[in-house]
Amino acid sequence: MRDVSILIVDDTATARNLVRSTLQNHFGTEQIHTAAHGREGLEILREYRVDIIISDWNMPEMNGEEFLYEVRQNPATKKTPFIMMTSNDNRDFIVTAIQLGVTNYIIKPFTPNELTEKIRAAWGHQSRRRADRHAYLPKHQVQVDIDGKTTSGEFLDISQTGALIKLSSHPALTLFKVCELRLELIDTEGIDPNTTVIDSLYGMIVRLEAENSFHPADRMCRMGLYFNQGTMHKEVASQLSKFIKWLAGRTPELIGEEG
């Protein structure tokens, strides 16, 4: 990660120096930018390319929430990993921060080793986003089972490590819950109609957002899922791999870094 560019935003010099020292000692990172609050952070983002943002939440001038909002509204930085540093370990606060767009978080005070784990996870997240993701799916039906409730949805994209699904919102859909998926293809050339391609695929909900935030009555939402390769059944992993390879041969449309 020597060539990774990182922005550190914190109103205390001690915290900025600790993070900088960790980056230099553990990763050999040379491209490090620092800011005392969100407004300075935005100025740096306008001038330099940044791969990862590490920001405090409670700051003067512009706090972490306001800074995050501006980062996510900018097409150039909306997908940049954002690690939140906070002394608030309340679960509801952390869930809200994730819903607002935080990639990961770390509770103050923290050790250099704890910080390096968060940075590696954030960089892995970014690397997976840069991998090709298949945005086009033929006509299909996906069943989502969670807490004994089954609902139908639509895959917007899928990869080896996760998927984005559009479906109708209901109370059982909450962050960090695990749901079971079953994907069926309908009227597809080369595959028998109504074929179940993937069955018993489990994913953890890591993202929930309204499909249309301007119409509160619209119940459709987008649900991001994370697939744990380490616990995935071999047969299911094989089904997923075959399906993605089949998609690769079927369509040239891919979402890359902008996906």
Protein backbone atom coordinates (compact mmCIF):
# COMPACT_ATOMS: atom_id res chain seq x y z
CA MET A 1 0.00 0.00 0.00
CA ARG A 2 2.99 2.30 -0.40
CA ASP A 3 1.38 4.06 -3.37
CA VAL A 4 -2.06 4.43 -1.77
CA SER A 5 -3.06 8.04 -1.12
CA ILE A 6 -4.73 8.60 2.26
CA LEU A 7 -6.45 11.63 3.81
CA ILE A 8 -6.49 12.00 7.61
CA VAL A 9 -9.06 14.42 9.03
CA ASP A 10 -9.03 15.18 12.78
CA ASP A 11 -9.07 18.37 14.82
CA THR A 12 -6.29 17.18 17.17
CA ALA A 13 -2.68 17.03 16.03
CA THR A 14 -2.01 14.05 18.33
CA ALA A 15 -4.58 11.89 16.55
CA ARG A 16 -3.36 12.96 13.10
CA ASN A 17 0.23 12.14 14.04
CA LEU A 18 -0.75 8.73 15.44
CA VAL A 19 -2.55 7.76 12.25
CA ARG A 20 0.25 9.14 10.06
CA SER A 21 2.88 7.22 12.05
CA THR A 22 0.86 4.00 11.76
CA LEU A 23 0.51 4.40 8.00
CA GLN A 24 4.22 5.06 7.55
CA ASN A 25 5.44 2.30 9.89
CA HIS A 26 3.02 -0.47 8.89
CA PHE A 27 2.44 0.25 5.19
CA GLY A 28 5.29 2.52 4.14
CA THR A 29 2.66 4.95 2.89
CA GLU A 30 4.15 8.13 1.45
CA GLN A 31 1.12 9.97 0.07
CA ILE A 32 -0.52 11.23 3.26
CA HIS A 33 -2.66 14.38 3.48
CA THR A 34 -3.97 15.85 6.73
CA ALA A 35 -6.77 18.25 7.62
CA ALA A 36 -8.10 19.67 10.90
CA HIS A 37 -11.78 19.52 9.88
CA GLY A 38 -14.12 18.66 7.03
CA ARG A 39 -13.77 21.93 5.13
CA GLU A 40 -10.00 21.51 4.89
CA GLY A 41 -10.60 17.88 3.89
CA LEU A 42 -12.83 18.97 0.99
CA GLU A 43 -10.15 21.40 -0.21
CA ILE A 44 -7.62 18.57 -0.31
CA LEU A 45 -10.04 16.29 -2.15
CA ARG A 46 -10.54 18.98 -4.80
CA GLU A 47 -6.79 19.17 -5.38
CA TYR A 48 -5.53 15.61 -4.90
CA ARG A 49 -6.61 12.04 -5.67
CA VAL A 50 -7.34 10.19 -2.43
CA ASP A 51 -7.85 6.42 -2.13
CA ILE A 52 -8.93 6.20 1.54
CA ILE A 53 -10.36 8.77 3.95
CA ILE A 54 -9.84 8.39 7.73
CA SER A 55 -11.91 10.97 9.55
CA ASP A 56 -12.91 11.93 13.06
CA TRP A 57 -16.66 12.42 13.67
CA ASN A 58 -16.70 15.29 16.19
CA MET A 59 -14.86 18.29 14.72
CA PRO A 60 -15.31 22.07 14.53
CA GLU A 61 -16.05 23.98 11.31
CA MET A 62 -17.42 20.88 9.56
CA ASN A 63 -17.99 17.64 11.49
CA GLY A 64 -17.62 14.09 10.21
CA GLU A 65 -21.27 13.67 9.25
CA GLU A 66 -21.30 16.87 7.19
CA PHE A 67 -17.97 15.97 5.62
CA LEU A 68 -19.18 12.46 4.76
CA TYR A 69 -22.31 13.91 3.14
CA GLU A 70 -20.22 16.14 0.86
CA VAL A 71 -17.88 13.24 0.02
CA ARG A 72 -20.78 10.95 -0.94
CA GLN A 73 -22.51 13.67 -3.01
CA ASN A 74 -19.42 14.18 -5.18
CA PRO A 75 -19.30 11.71 -8.12
CA ALA A 76 -15.49 11.72 -7.92
CA THR A 77 -15.40 10.58 -4.28
CA LYS A 78 -18.75 8.89 -3.65
CA LYS A 79 -17.16 5.42 -3.69
CA THR A 80 -13.99 6.32 -1.73
CA PRO A 81 -13.62 4.16 1.43
CA PHE A 82 -14.40 6.28 4.50
CA ILE A 83 -13.17 5.09 7.92
CA MET A 84 -14.86 6.85 10.83
CA MET A 85 -12.93 7.50 14.07
CA THR A 86 -15.21 8.05 17.06
CA SER A 87 -15.34 7.73 20.83
CA ASN A 88 -19.06 6.87 20.62
CA ASP A 89 -19.42 3.07 20.81
CA ASN A 90 -23.23 3.11 20.89
CA ARG A 91 -24.48 0.49 18.42
CA ASP A 92 -27.35 2.68 17.16
CA PHE A 93 -24.91 5.49 16.45
CA ILE A 94 -22.60 3.16 14.51
CA VAL A 95 -25.48 1.65 12.50
CA THR A 96 -26.68 5.15 11.62
CA ALA A 97 -23.17 6.13 10.50
CA ILE A 98 -22.98 3.06 8.25
CA GLN A 99 -26.37 3.89 6.78
CA LEU A 100 -25.05 7.38 6.02
CA GLY A 101 -22.21 5.85 4.01
CA VAL A 102 -19.34 5.04 6.36
CA THR A 103 -17.29 2.10 5.03
CA ASN A 104 -15.81 1.13 8.39
CA TYR A 105 -15.30 2.56 11.86
CA ILE A 106 -12.85 2.45 14.75
CA ILE A 107 -13.50 3.34 18.38
CA LYS A 108 -11.15 5.73 20.19
CA PRO A 109 -8.79 5.07 21.84
CA PHE A 110 -7.35 2.46 19.48
CA THR A 111 -4.02 0.74 18.91
CA PRO A 112 -1.93 0.89 15.72
CA ASN A 113 -2.74 -2.79 15.07
CA GLU A 114 -6.48 -2.12 15.32
CA LEU A 115 -6.13 0.75 12.88
CA THR A 116 -4.12 -1.30 10.37
CA GLU A 117 -6.86 -3.96 10.36
CA LYS A 118 -9.48 -1.33 9.53
CA ILE A 119 -7.32 0.14 6.77
CA ARG A 120 -6.65 -3.28 5.22
CA ALA A 121 -10.39 -4.03 5.29
CA ALA A 122 -11.20 -0.68 3.66
CA TRP A 123 -8.58 -1.18 0.96
CA GLY A 124 -9.87 -4.69 0.33
CA HIS A 125 -13.36 -3.20 -0.04
CA GLN A 126 -12.05 -0.71 -2.59
CA SER A 127 -10.15 -3.40 -4.50
CA ARG A 128 -13.31 -5.53 -4.75
CA ARG A 129 -15.23 -2.54 -6.09
CA ARG A 130 -12.59 -2.11 -8.78
CA ALA A 131 -13.06 -5.71 -9.87
CA ASP A 132 -15.46 -6.31 -12.73
CA ARG A 133 -19.05 -6.67 -11.57
CA HIS A 134 -21.75 -7.96 -13.89
CA ALA A 135 -24.48 -5.35 -14.02
CA TYR A 136 -26.68 -7.08 -16.58
CA LEU A 137 -28.76 -10.08 -15.56
CA PRO A 138 -31.32 -11.84 -17.76
CA LYS A 139 -34.93 -11.97 -16.69
CA HIS A 140 -34.93 -13.66 -13.32
CA GLN A 141 -36.51 -13.97 -9.92
CA VAL A 142 -34.67 -13.90 -6.62
CA GLN A 143 -36.29 -15.09 -3.41
CA VAL A 144 -35.04 -13.52 -0.18
CA ASP A 145 -35.77 -15.39 3.07
CA ILE A 146 -35.19 -13.63 6.39
CA ASP A 147 -36.78 -14.22 9.80
CA GLY A 148 -39.29 -16.60 8.26
CA LYS A 149 -40.48 -14.02 5.72
CA THR A 150 -40.01 -14.54 1.98
CA THR A 151 -40.05 -11.75 -0.56
CA SER A 152 -39.10 -11.42 -4.22
CA GLY A 153 -36.45 -9.06 -5.52
CA GLU A 154 -34.23 -8.18 -8.46
CA PHE A 155 -30.43 -8.43 -8.68
CA LEU A 156 -28.85 -5.15 -9.79
CA ASP A 157 -25.32 -6.59 -9.74
CA ILE A 158 -23.50 -9.59 -8.37
CA SER A 159 -19.90 -10.68 -7.75
CA GLN A 160 -18.02 -13.34 -5.82
CA THR A 161 -18.10 -11.23 -2.68
CA GLY A 162 -21.53 -9.64 -2.71
CA ALA A 163 -24.61 -8.42 -4.51
CA LEU A 164 -26.98 -5.48 -4.76
CA ILE A 165 -30.69 -6.32 -4.76
CA LYS A 166 -33.79 -4.19 -5.29
CA LEU A 167 -36.83 -5.29 -3.30
CA SER A 168 -39.73 -4.01 -1.24
CA SER A 169 -38.71 -2.83 2.22
CA HIS A 170 -40.09 -4.54 5.33
CA PRO A 171 -39.19 -4.51 9.05
CA ALA A 172 -37.16 -7.75 8.89
CA LEU A 173 -34.55 -6.06 6.69
CA THR A 174 -31.96 -4.59 9.05
CA LEU A 175 -28.19 -4.13 8.90
CA PHE A 176 -25.95 -7.07 9.82
CA LYS A 177 -28.73 -9.65 9.53
CA VAL A 178 -28.10 -12.73 7.40
CA CYS A 179 -30.61 -13.69 4.74
CA GLU A 180 -30.90 -16.68 2.38
CA LEU A 181 -31.16 -16.19 -1.38
CA ARG A 182 -32.43 -18.35 -4.20
CA LEU A 183 -31.89 -17.18 -7.79
CA GLU A 184 -34.02 -18.50 -10.66
CA LEU A 185 -33.65 -17.63 -14.34
CA ILE A 186 -36.76 -17.39 -16.51
CA ASP A 187 -37.04 -17.79 -20.31
CA THR A 188 -33.28 -17.78 -20.75
CA GLU A 189 -31.51 -18.94 -23.89
CA GLY A 190 -29.14 -21.80 -23.18
CA ILE A 191 -30.69 -22.58 -19.80
CA ASP A 192 -33.97 -24.37 -19.20
CA PRO A 193 -36.78 -22.01 -18.17
CA ASN A 194 -37.34 -21.56 -14.43
CA THR A 195 -33.95 -23.09 -13.63
CA THR A 196 -32.66 -22.55 -10.12
CA VAL A 197 -29.09 -21.39 -10.69
CA ILE A 198 -28.10 -20.59 -7.11
CA ASP A 199 -29.76 -22.02 -4.02
CA SER A 200 -29.12 -21.44 -0.30
CA LEU A 201 -26.76 -18.52 -0.88
CA TYR A 202 -26.36 -16.65 2.41
CA GLY A 203 -25.44 -12.99 2.59
CA MET A 204 -25.08 -10.42 5.37
CA ILE A 205 -26.93 -7.13 4.89
CA VAL A 206 -24.32 -4.35 4.88
CA ARG A 207 -26.24 -1.61 3.07
CA LEU A 208 -29.85 -0.40 2.96
CA GLU A 209 -31.08 2.66 1.11
CA ALA A 210 -34.33 3.93 -0.36
CA GLU A 211 -34.70 3.40 -4.11
CA ASN A 212 -36.34 6.82 -4.41
CA SER A 213 -35.76 9.07 -1.42
CA PHE A 214 -37.91 11.83 -2.92
CA HIS A 215 -41.07 9.73 -2.64
CA PRO A 216 -41.52 8.53 0.97
CA ALA A 217 -44.49 6.37 -0.07
CA ASP A 218 -42.25 4.31 -2.37
CA ARG A 219 -41.33 1.16 -0.38
CA MET A 220 -38.68 -0.11 -2.80
CA CYS A 221 -35.14 -0.19 -1.44
CA ARG A 222 -31.66 -1.34 -2.41
CA MET A 223 -30.00 -3.93 -0.22
CA GLY A 224 -26.26 -4.58 -0.34
CA LEU A 225 -25.11 -8.05 0.70
CA TYR A 226 -21.71 -9.44 1.65
CA PHE A 227 -20.89 -13.09 0.85
CA ASN A 228 -18.45 -14.72 3.26
CA GLN A 229 -16.32 -17.00 1.07
CA GLY A 230 -14.84 -18.67 4.14
CA THR A 231 -18.19 -20.04 5.34
CA MET A 232 -19.88 -20.55 1.98
CA HIS A 233 -20.79 -24.17 1.16
CA LYS A 234 -18.57 -25.58 -1.63
CA GLU A 235 -21.53 -26.45 -3.84
CA VAL A 236 -22.99 -22.96 -3.47
CA ALA A 237 -19.60 -21.37 -4.18
CA SER A 238 -19.37 -23.50 -7.32
CA GLN A 239 -22.86 -22.43 -8.41
CA LEU A 240 -21.98 -18.78 -7.90
CA SER A 241 -18.68 -19.10 -9.77
CA LYS A 242 -20.32 -20.88 -12.71
CA PHE A 243 -23.09 -18.30 -12.88
CA ILE A 244 -20.65 -15.37 -12.95
CA LYS A 245 -18.57 -17.07 -15.65
CA TRP A 246 -21.76 -17.67 -17.64
CA LEU A 247 -22.63 -13.98 -17.34
CA ALA A 248 -19.13 -12.99 -18.47
CA GLY A 249 -19.60 -14.95 -21.69
CA ARG A 250 -23.10 -13.63 -22.25
CA THR A 251 -22.75 -9.86 -21.94
CA PRO A 252 -19.94 -7.32 -22.47
CA GLU A 253 -21.51 -4.80 -20.09
CA LEU A 254 -19.51 -4.48 -16.90
CA ILE A 255 -19.41 -2.06 -14.04
CA GLY A 256 -15.84 -1.24 -13.19
CA GLU A 257 -14.56 1.32 -10.74
CA GLU A 258 -17.64 3.49 -11.18
CA GLY A 259 -20.01 0.63 -10.35
